[in-house]
Amino acid sequence: MTTHSRRDILKWGCAVAAASMIPSSKVSAEQRLAQATRGTSPLKITKIEPFVISTPRPEGPLSDNVEMPPVGTMTGRAGIGNRLNHSFPSRTPGHSQTMLVKVTTDQGIIGWGEAHAPVAPSVHAEIIKELFAPILIGEDARNVGPLWDKMYSSQRLRGYATGFYTESIAAVDIALWDILGKFAEVPVYQLLGGKYRDSVQTYAGVGSVEAAEELMQQGFAALKMGFNKASSNNFDYVKQISDVIGSRGQLMIDSLGAFKLHEAIQVGRRFDELGNIGWFEDALMPEDTMSYPTLTEALDTAVCVGETYSNRFQFRDLFMKRGADVVNPDVCRAAGITECKRIAEMAETFGILWSPHVSTGLPPYVAASLHLAVATPNAVIIEGGNIHNATDVRGSRGNILLKQPIEYHPGRAVVPEGHGLGIEFDDKELAKVIVS
């Protein structure tokens, strides 16, 4: 038997390894080039386009639909509880508005994002056109984190850290994550570290005892209702729905900042007695940050707050004071996936659960929230479980605008598995709701 030198063995091994790597079918030069450059070639931003959306389309200017209660509107409660009511935001009754953004790159990869823009979405569009587009055109779209910092730093020394500003950042940031996922050919959740689960529990809004029973029968284990008056009749209605749910699930309460601290404690202690209240959400006005730790300490029921906050620094202060048991940041308000991931991770550090707030948005809003929720261990539930009408834009959560709808089941939503956000608009359907 011939004895081979170590060098001969290595040569033979390398030859076998090389042979095993030769594909059985012919690979084109373009395919080899794409394989060689993927992950390393620049992906320059060439265009950023905001689109104002309204469903249904308005007959006149968007501003014609904005409404608020008259100046001096009172709460309508008894005694000292009858005071000026500051808990009514501006609304657009009969219309649902938002703003989408489309980011295009020199390799033809595009990404879609969305801002939380239920009122005056044209403001967000102008911020993106006049501020963000000039500083982002020509940049490498793969640099999601650095570009987030560039946008945030563009006005931070001028004091802008919330509102239209961070909502506009969110739209572009989500679009960049969509692009990165398509470029890497993986879902966004994979870029975030992988998924802990395939789907996320959803809760449904409920307005009557009959509806509560029907939703429980469908498969929902969590329902949510509004509560903004401390009267006995109002509380009796909560108790009726709580009794219908019983031990089968939980009822969440949303008060939209209706109460002062002493009122919220009184109301919350009555919720404690019911035993199946999942959380008491936005009991206090957003600015009353000093009172939330006191409320949290006083109640057994979980206190939920966060949809009105716009950055991790606000949440840091909330966490340091133990001002919440659950937080519900809004990915399209709190500066996008990049910032909300930081918030979710910080909440986990403090042992706090989180739930994505998903308001009146369209598929980029929903998909971004789902990807972030499945990729974070402390996400427990997501807003927006009701699919009222699959043929209506608002009733379908915007699924009618997609070639392949986001998968909803009673009580849960499934994260899209396609590249990026995993959604693809039907251009003809989308054109029907674009205002400008």
Protein backbone atom coordinates (compact mmCIF):
# COMPACT_ATOMS: atom_id res chain seq x y z
CA MET A 1 0.00 0.00 0.00
CA THR A 2 1.38 3.34 -1.06
CA THR A 3 1.92 5.82 1.70
CA HIS A 4 0.67 9.31 0.79
CA SER A 5 2.28 12.44 2.08
CA ARG A 6 0.22 14.87 4.15
CA ARG A 7 0.41 17.34 1.25
CA ASP A 8 -1.02 14.74 -1.19
CA ILE A 9 -3.92 14.02 1.16
CA LEU A 10 -4.70 17.73 1.46
CA LYS A 11 -4.63 18.15 -2.33
CA TRP A 12 -6.99 15.20 -2.75
CA GLY A 13 -9.34 16.56 -0.10
CA CYS A 14 -9.45 20.00 -1.69
CA ALA A 15 -10.19 18.49 -5.07
CA VAL A 16 -13.13 16.50 -3.68
CA ALA A 17 -14.47 19.56 -1.88
CA ALA A 18 -14.20 21.67 -5.02
CA ALA A 19 -15.95 19.02 -7.08
CA SER A 20 -18.81 18.83 -4.60
CA MET A 21 -19.42 22.57 -4.98
CA ILE A 22 -19.91 22.46 -8.76
CA PRO A 23 -23.67 22.88 -9.40
CA SER A 24 -25.44 20.20 -11.38
CA SER A 25 -27.15 22.83 -13.54
CA LYS A 26 -25.53 25.69 -15.34
CA VAL A 27 -25.41 28.96 -13.34
CA SER A 28 -25.46 32.16 -15.34
CA ALA A 29 -22.86 34.88 -14.93
CA GLU A 30 -25.56 37.23 -13.62
CA GLN A 31 -26.58 34.70 -10.95
CA ARG A 32 -22.96 34.19 -9.87
CA LEU A 33 -22.47 37.95 -9.69
CA ALA A 34 -25.63 38.35 -7.59
CA GLN A 35 -24.46 35.59 -5.23
CA ALA A 36 -21.03 37.18 -4.92
CA THR A 37 -22.29 40.69 -4.21
CA ARG A 38 -25.31 39.95 -2.04
CA GLY A 39 -24.84 41.51 1.36
CA THR A 40 -21.90 43.65 0.26
CA SER A 41 -22.99 45.77 -2.70
CA PRO A 42 -24.34 49.29 -2.09
CA LEU A 43 -28.10 49.73 -2.20
CA LYS A 44 -28.54 53.43 -2.84
CA ILE A 45 -31.81 55.22 -2.13
CA THR A 46 -33.00 56.94 -5.30
CA LYS A 47 -36.52 58.04 -4.44
CA ILE A 48 -38.75 58.55 -1.37
CA GLU A 49 -42.45 59.04 -2.12
CA PRO A 50 -45.16 59.73 0.48
CA PHE A 51 -48.79 58.91 -0.34
CA VAL A 52 -51.72 60.38 1.58
CA ILE A 53 -54.50 57.83 2.02
CA SER A 54 -58.17 58.27 2.86
CA THR A 55 -60.92 55.66 2.91
CA PRO A 56 -63.34 56.49 1.53
CA ARG A 57 -61.86 59.16 -0.71
CA PRO A 58 -63.06 62.62 0.40
CA GLU A 59 -65.14 64.82 -1.88
CA GLY A 60 -63.23 67.94 -0.81
CA PRO A 61 -60.08 68.77 1.20
CA LEU A 62 -59.06 66.35 3.94
CA SER A 63 -59.39 69.17 6.46
CA ASP A 64 -63.16 69.27 5.86
CA ASN A 65 -63.49 66.04 7.82
CA VAL A 66 -61.67 67.07 11.02
CA GLU A 67 -63.92 67.39 14.06
CA MET A 68 -63.68 67.95 17.82
CA PRO A 69 -66.26 68.62 20.56
CA PRO A 70 -67.04 72.31 21.18
CA VAL A 71 -64.79 74.39 23.40
CA GLY A 72 -65.90 74.06 27.02
CA THR A 73 -67.24 70.50 26.72
CA MET A 74 -67.57 68.99 30.21
CA THR A 75 -67.20 65.40 31.41
CA GLY A 76 -70.85 65.21 32.46
CA ARG A 77 -70.05 63.57 35.80
CA ALA A 78 -71.42 64.52 39.20
CA GLY A 79 -69.88 67.00 41.64
CA ILE A 80 -66.19 67.81 41.21
CA GLY A 81 -66.01 65.13 38.57
CA ASN A 82 -67.85 67.46 36.20
CA ARG A 83 -64.88 69.35 34.77
CA LEU A 84 -63.47 70.30 31.39
CA ASN A 85 -63.02 67.21 29.27
CA HIS A 86 -59.56 67.03 27.68
CA SER A 87 -59.74 63.38 26.68
CA PHE A 88 -61.37 63.82 23.26
CA PRO A 89 -58.84 63.89 20.39
CA SER A 90 -59.56 65.27 16.95
CA ARG A 91 -61.35 62.79 14.71
CA THR A 92 -62.29 62.33 11.06
CA PRO A 93 -65.72 60.68 11.35
CA GLY A 94 -66.67 58.55 8.39
CA HIS A 95 -63.10 58.56 7.07
CA SER A 96 -59.91 56.70 7.93
CA GLN A 97 -56.71 58.50 7.02
CA THR A 98 -53.05 57.49 7.00
CA MET A 99 -49.83 58.05 5.09
CA LEU A 100 -47.75 55.46 3.27
CA VAL A 101 -44.19 55.92 2.05
CA LYS A 102 -42.46 54.12 -0.82
CA VAL A 103 -38.65 54.01 -0.82
CA THR A 104 -36.93 52.97 -4.07
CA THR A 105 -33.29 51.85 -4.51
CA ASP A 106 -30.94 51.75 -7.48
CA GLN A 107 -31.25 47.95 -7.66
CA GLY A 108 -35.00 48.18 -8.07
CA ILE A 109 -35.79 46.94 -4.57
CA ILE A 110 -38.56 48.99 -2.98
CA GLY A 111 -39.86 49.16 0.57
CA TRP A 112 -43.16 50.29 2.04
CA GLY A 113 -43.69 52.02 5.37
CA GLU A 114 -46.48 53.82 7.19
CA ALA A 115 -46.90 56.65 9.68
CA HIS A 116 -49.53 56.82 12.38
CA ALA A 117 -51.46 59.63 10.70
CA PRO A 118 -55.18 59.46 11.50
CA VAL A 119 -55.49 63.26 11.18
CA ALA A 120 -53.62 65.68 8.87
CA PRO A 121 -51.50 63.05 7.04
CA SER A 122 -50.37 65.74 4.60
CA VAL A 123 -48.18 67.10 7.40
CA HIS A 124 -46.27 63.81 7.53
CA ALA A 125 -45.95 63.83 3.75
CA GLU A 126 -44.39 67.29 3.81
CA ILE A 127 -41.91 66.33 6.55
CA ILE A 128 -40.75 63.40 4.45
CA LYS A 129 -40.53 65.38 1.20
CA GLU A 130 -38.93 68.52 2.64
CA LEU A 131 -36.71 67.08 5.40
CA PHE A 132 -36.01 63.37 5.15
CA ALA A 133 -35.79 62.88 1.38
CA PRO A 134 -33.00 65.49 0.92
CA ILE A 135 -30.83 63.92 3.63
CA LEU A 136 -31.46 60.28 2.63
CA ILE A 137 -31.31 60.28 -1.19
CA GLY A 138 -28.04 58.62 -2.23
CA GLU A 139 -27.54 56.86 1.12
CA ASP A 140 -27.15 53.09 1.43
CA ALA A 141 -30.57 51.71 2.38
CA ARG A 142 -28.97 48.79 4.24
CA ASN A 143 -27.72 51.14 6.96
CA VAL A 144 -31.05 51.08 8.78
CA GLY A 145 -29.69 52.03 12.21
CA PRO A 146 -27.39 54.85 11.06
CA LEU A 147 -30.14 56.29 8.85
CA TRP A 148 -32.58 56.22 11.78
CA ASP A 149 -30.06 58.24 13.79
CA LYS A 150 -29.60 60.65 10.90
CA MET A 151 -33.33 61.31 10.73
CA TYR A 152 -33.75 61.63 14.49
CA SER A 153 -30.70 63.89 14.82
CA SER A 154 -31.90 66.18 12.03
CA GLN A 155 -34.10 68.06 14.52
CA ARG A 156 -33.22 66.76 17.99
CA LEU A 157 -31.30 69.91 18.98
CA ARG A 158 -34.40 71.88 18.07
CA GLY A 159 -36.49 69.87 20.54
CA TYR A 160 -38.41 67.60 18.15
CA ALA A 161 -38.80 64.14 19.64
CA THR A 162 -42.49 63.25 19.34
CA GLY A 163 -45.64 63.70 17.25
CA PHE A 164 -45.60 64.23 13.50
CA TYR A 165 -41.80 64.04 13.57
CA THR A 166 -41.34 60.54 15.01
CA GLU A 167 -44.40 59.29 13.14
CA SER A 168 -42.71 60.35 9.90
CA ILE A 169 -39.45 58.71 10.96
CA ALA A 170 -41.44 55.53 11.59
CA ALA A 171 -42.73 55.43 8.01
CA VAL A 172 -39.25 55.63 6.47
CA ASP A 173 -37.69 53.28 9.04
CA ILE A 174 -40.28 50.55 8.36
CA ALA A 175 -39.70 50.91 4.61
CA LEU A 176 -35.94 50.47 5.12
CA TRP A 177 -36.48 47.26 7.10
CA ASP A 178 -38.73 46.05 4.28
CA ILE A 179 -35.94 46.77 1.78
CA LEU A 180 -33.29 45.06 3.90
CA GLY A 181 -35.41 41.93 4.23
CA LYS A 182 -36.03 41.80 0.49
CA PHE A 183 -32.33 42.35 -0.19
CA ALA A 184 -31.31 39.56 2.19
CA GLU A 185 -34.29 37.45 1.05
CA VAL A 186 -35.58 36.85 4.58
CA PRO A 187 -38.58 38.08 6.62
CA VAL A 188 -38.01 41.11 8.84
CA TYR A 189 -38.41 38.99 11.97
CA GLN A 190 -35.32 37.03 10.91
CA LEU A 191 -33.31 40.25 10.74
CA LEU A 192 -34.52 41.02 14.27
CA GLY A 193 -33.05 37.77 15.60
CA GLY A 194 -35.70 35.21 14.72
CA LYS A 195 -39.22 34.47 15.88
CA TYR A 196 -40.36 33.08 19.22
CA ARG A 197 -43.77 32.22 17.80
CA ASP A 198 -45.58 32.04 14.45
CA SER A 199 -48.61 34.06 15.51
CA VAL A 200 -49.63 36.64 18.10
CA GLN A 201 -52.80 36.66 20.21
CA THR A 202 -55.22 39.43 19.23
CA TYR A 203 -58.03 41.13 21.12
CA ALA A 204 -61.33 42.33 19.73
CA GLY A 205 -63.22 45.51 20.52
CA VAL A 206 -66.61 44.86 22.11
CA GLY A 207 -69.63 47.14 22.42
CA SER A 208 -72.39 44.96 23.83
CA VAL A 209 -73.06 41.91 25.99
CA GLU A 210 -74.35 40.03 22.95
CA ALA A 211 -71.23 40.83 20.95
CA ALA A 212 -69.03 39.69 23.84
CA GLU A 213 -70.60 36.24 23.85
CA GLU A 214 -70.39 35.96 20.08
CA LEU A 215 -66.69 36.91 20.05
CA MET A 216 -65.90 34.42 22.81
CA GLN A 217 -67.68 31.71 20.82
CA GLN A 218 -65.59 32.63 17.76
CA GLY A 219 -62.39 31.95 19.67
CA PHE A 220 -61.26 35.26 21.19
CA ALA A 221 -59.88 35.03 24.72
CA ALA A 222 -59.44 38.79 25.17
CA LEU A 223 -61.87 41.65 24.52
CA LYS A 224 -61.52 45.42 25.01
CA MET A 225 -64.05 48.13 25.77
CA GLY A 226 -63.98 51.85 26.47
CA PHE A 227 -64.77 53.27 29.91
CA ASN A 228 -64.73 57.00 30.62
CA LYS A 229 -67.36 57.65 33.28
CA ALA A 230 -67.19 56.64 36.94
CA SER A 231 -70.96 56.35 37.43
CA SER A 232 -72.56 53.18 38.81
CA ASN A 233 -74.52 52.59 35.60
CA ASN A 234 -71.36 52.76 33.54
CA PHE A 235 -69.55 50.35 35.84
CA ASP A 236 -72.51 47.95 35.84
CA TYR A 237 -72.12 47.67 32.06
CA VAL A 238 -68.46 46.70 32.49
CA LYS A 239 -69.50 44.07 35.02
CA GLN A 240 -72.06 42.58 32.64
CA ILE A 241 -69.45 42.04 29.94
CA SER A 242 -66.94 40.79 32.52
CA ASP A 243 -69.50 38.23 33.70
CA VAL A 244 -70.07 37.01 30.13
CA ILE A 245 -66.34 36.42 29.71
CA GLY A 246 -65.96 34.80 33.12
CA SER A 247 -62.96 32.53 33.45
CA ARG A 248 -62.75 31.96 29.67
CA GLY A 249 -60.68 35.08 29.08
CA GLN A 250 -60.01 38.67 30.05
CA LEU A 251 -61.53 42.09 29.48
CA MET A 252 -59.27 45.06 28.84
CA ILE A 253 -60.42 48.57 29.72
CA ASP A 254 -59.36 51.68 27.76
CA SER A 255 -60.19 55.08 29.25
CA LEU A 256 -58.32 57.42 26.86
CA GLY A 257 -57.01 59.56 29.70
CA ALA A 258 -60.44 60.23 31.20
CA PHE A 259 -59.53 60.23 34.91
CA LYS A 260 -57.60 62.11 37.55
CA LEU A 261 -55.45 60.01 39.88
CA HIS A 262 -57.97 59.73 42.74
CA GLU A 263 -60.73 58.78 40.28
CA ALA A 264 -58.56 56.19 38.53
CA ILE A 265 -57.68 54.54 41.85
CA GLN A 266 -61.37 54.33 42.85
CA VAL A 267 -62.35 52.89 39.47
CA GLY A 268 -59.35 50.55 39.32
CA ARG A 269 -60.12 49.04 42.70
CA ARG A 270 -63.58 48.13 41.45
CA PHE A 271 -61.91 46.45 38.47
CA ASP A 272 -59.73 44.52 40.94
CA GLU A 273 -62.89 42.98 42.40
CA LEU A 274 -63.99 41.59 39.03
CA GLY A 275 -60.91 39.39 38.78
CA ASN A 276 -60.71 39.07 34.99
CA ILE A 277 -59.70 42.58 33.89
CA GLY A 278 -56.57 42.17 31.77
CA TRP A 279 -55.43 45.77 32.02
CA PHE A 280 -56.55 49.33 32.76
CA GLU A 281 -55.26 51.33 29.77
CA ASP A 282 -54.57 55.08 29.61
CA ALA A 283 -56.43 55.81 32.82
CA LEU A 284 -54.69 59.19 33.12
CA MET A 285 -53.85 61.98 30.71
CA PRO A 286 -50.57 61.37 28.83
CA GLU A 287 -48.86 64.32 30.52
CA ASP A 288 -49.64 63.02 34.03
CA THR A 289 -46.50 60.87 34.13
CA MET A 290 -45.88 61.54 37.83
CA SER A 291 -49.14 59.81 38.81
CA TYR A 292 -48.73 56.53 36.93
CA PRO A 293 -46.33 54.98 39.50
CA THR A 294 -48.84 55.74 42.27
CA LEU A 295 -51.68 54.20 40.27
CA THR A 296 -49.65 51.09 39.46
CA GLU A 297 -48.77 50.63 43.12
CA ALA A 298 -52.38 51.08 44.24
CA LEU A 299 -54.00 48.48 41.95
CA ASP A 300 -53.86 44.72 41.51
CA THR A 301 -55.13 45.11 37.94
CA ALA A 302 -52.31 45.66 35.45
CA VAL A 303 -51.84 49.27 34.37
CA CYS A 304 -51.17 49.74 30.64
CA VAL A 305 -49.74 52.91 29.14
CA GLY A 306 -47.56 53.86 26.19
CA GLU A 307 -49.48 54.40 22.95
CA THR A 308 -49.03 58.16 23.29
CA TYR A 309 -45.26 57.94 23.89
CA SER A 310 -42.91 58.43 20.98
CA ASN A 311 -39.36 57.44 21.98
CA ARG A 312 -37.34 55.22 24.30
CA PHE A 313 -36.40 58.08 26.58
CA GLN A 314 -40.00 58.58 27.62
CA PHE A 315 -40.32 54.85 28.28
CA ARG A 316 -37.04 54.84 30.21
CA ASP A 317 -38.47 57.37 32.65
CA LEU A 318 -41.70 55.37 32.95
CA PHE A 319 -39.80 52.14 33.65
CA MET A 320 -37.45 53.70 36.18
CA LYS A 321 -40.45 54.84 38.23
CA ARG A 322 -42.35 51.54 37.79
CA GLY A 323 -45.21 53.40 36.15
CA ALA A 324 -46.66 50.50 34.15
CA ASP A 325 -47.17 46.74 34.17
CA VAL A 326 -47.76 46.58 30.40
CA VAL A 327 -46.74 49.05 27.69
CA ASN A 328 -48.28 49.41 24.25
CA PRO A 329 -45.96 51.49 22.06
CA ASP A 330 -47.11 52.13 18.52
CA VAL A 331 -44.55 51.15 15.88
CA CYS A 332 -45.90 53.79 13.48
CA ARG A 333 -45.81 56.53 16.12
CA ALA A 334 -42.73 55.66 18.21
CA ALA A 335 -40.23 56.06 15.36
CA GLY A 336 -40.54 52.67 13.70
CA ILE A 337 -39.18 49.15 14.15
CA THR A 338 -35.72 50.37 15.13
CA GLU A 339 -36.92 52.39 18.12
CA CYS A 340 -39.73 50.05 19.18
CA LYS A 341 -37.34 47.12 19.34
CA ARG A 342 -35.24 49.13 21.81
CA ILE A 343 -38.36 49.91 23.84
CA ALA A 344 -39.49 46.27 23.90
CA GLU A 345 -36.04 45.08 24.97
CA MET A 346 -35.86 47.72 27.70
CA ALA A 347 -39.30 46.66 28.93
CA GLU A 348 -38.09 43.06 29.13
CA THR A 349 -35.15 44.22 31.27
CA PHE A 350 -37.64 45.70 33.77
CA GLY A 351 -39.92 42.64 33.68
CA ILE A 352 -42.64 44.55 31.84
CA LEU A 353 -44.86 43.03 29.14
CA TRP A 354 -45.60 44.79 25.88
CA SER A 355 -48.39 44.85 23.32
CA PRO A 356 -48.14 46.62 19.93
CA HIS A 357 -50.73 49.37 19.60
CA VAL A 358 -52.15 49.07 16.08
CA SER A 359 -54.57 51.87 15.33
CA THR A 360 -56.42 52.69 12.12
CA GLY A 361 -53.58 51.71 9.83
CA LEU A 362 -52.99 49.62 6.72
CA PRO A 363 -50.85 46.51 6.00
CA PRO A 364 -47.36 48.04 6.58
CA TYR A 365 -48.58 49.09 10.05
CA VAL A 366 -49.95 45.62 10.82
CA ALA A 367 -47.07 43.66 9.31
CA ALA A 368 -44.34 45.71 11.03
CA SER A 369 -46.10 45.23 14.37
CA LEU A 370 -46.42 41.48 13.82
CA HIS A 371 -42.76 41.03 12.87
CA LEU A 372 -41.64 42.92 15.95
CA ALA A 373 -44.06 41.06 18.23
CA VAL A 374 -43.01 37.56 17.16
CA ALA A 375 -39.33 38.51 17.50
CA THR A 376 -39.58 39.74 21.11
CA PRO A 377 -40.09 37.40 24.10
CA ASN A 378 -42.27 39.76 26.17
CA ALA A 379 -44.93 40.52 23.53
CA VAL A 380 -48.24 39.10 24.75
CA ILE A 381 -51.06 40.38 22.55
CA ILE A 382 -51.70 42.78 19.66
CA GLU A 383 -54.51 45.19 18.87
CA GLY A 384 -56.73 44.73 15.85
CA GLY A 385 -58.28 41.28 15.89
CA ASN A 386 -61.61 42.26 14.38
CA ILE A 387 -62.00 41.59 10.66
CA HIS A 388 -65.50 42.94 10.08
CA ASN A 389 -65.70 42.91 6.29
CA ALA A 390 -63.08 41.32 4.08
CA THR A 391 -64.22 43.38 1.06
CA ASP A 392 -63.82 46.76 2.78
CA VAL A 393 -60.48 48.55 3.29
CA ARG A 394 -61.06 49.45 6.92
CA GLY A 395 -62.98 46.29 7.74
CA SER A 396 -60.24 44.06 6.35
CA ARG A 397 -57.37 45.92 8.07
CA GLY A 398 -56.29 46.80 4.52
CA ASN A 399 -56.04 43.19 3.36
CA ILE A 400 -58.16 44.04 0.33
CA LEU A 401 -55.22 46.15 -0.92
CA LEU A 402 -52.85 43.16 -0.91
CA LYS A 403 -52.22 40.42 -3.45
CA GLN A 404 -51.91 37.97 -0.54
CA PRO A 405 -53.76 38.97 2.67
CA ILE A 406 -52.23 38.88 6.13
CA GLU A 407 -53.58 35.77 7.85
CA TYR A 408 -56.08 36.43 10.65
CA HIS A 409 -57.92 33.91 12.77
CA PRO A 410 -60.31 34.63 15.66
CA GLY A 411 -57.97 35.53 18.50
CA ARG A 412 -54.67 35.49 16.63
CA ALA A 413 -52.79 36.95 13.67
CA VAL A 414 -50.04 35.13 11.75
CA VAL A 415 -46.79 36.87 10.82
CA PRO A 416 -46.19 37.07 7.03
CA GLU A 417 -43.42 34.76 5.85
CA GLY A 418 -42.39 36.57 2.67
CA HIS A 419 -39.23 38.62 2.26
CA GLY A 420 -39.16 41.92 4.13
CA LEU A 421 -42.54 42.75 5.60
CA GLY A 422 -43.99 39.96 3.50
CA ILE A 423 -46.71 42.09 1.91
CA GLU A 424 -47.27 43.13 -1.71
CA PHE A 425 -49.78 45.78 -2.72
CA ASP A 426 -52.23 45.34 -5.55
CA ASP A 427 -51.48 48.56 -7.45
CA LYS A 428 -55.03 48.91 -8.80
CA GLU A 429 -56.62 48.58 -5.37
CA LEU A 430 -54.08 50.89 -3.75
CA ALA A 431 -54.70 53.59 -6.36
CA LYS A 432 -58.36 53.72 -5.27
CA VAL A 433 -57.46 55.09 -1.80
CA ILE A 434 -54.54 57.41 -2.67
CA VAL A 435 -55.52 61.07 -2.31
CA SER A 436 -52.16 62.64 -3.19
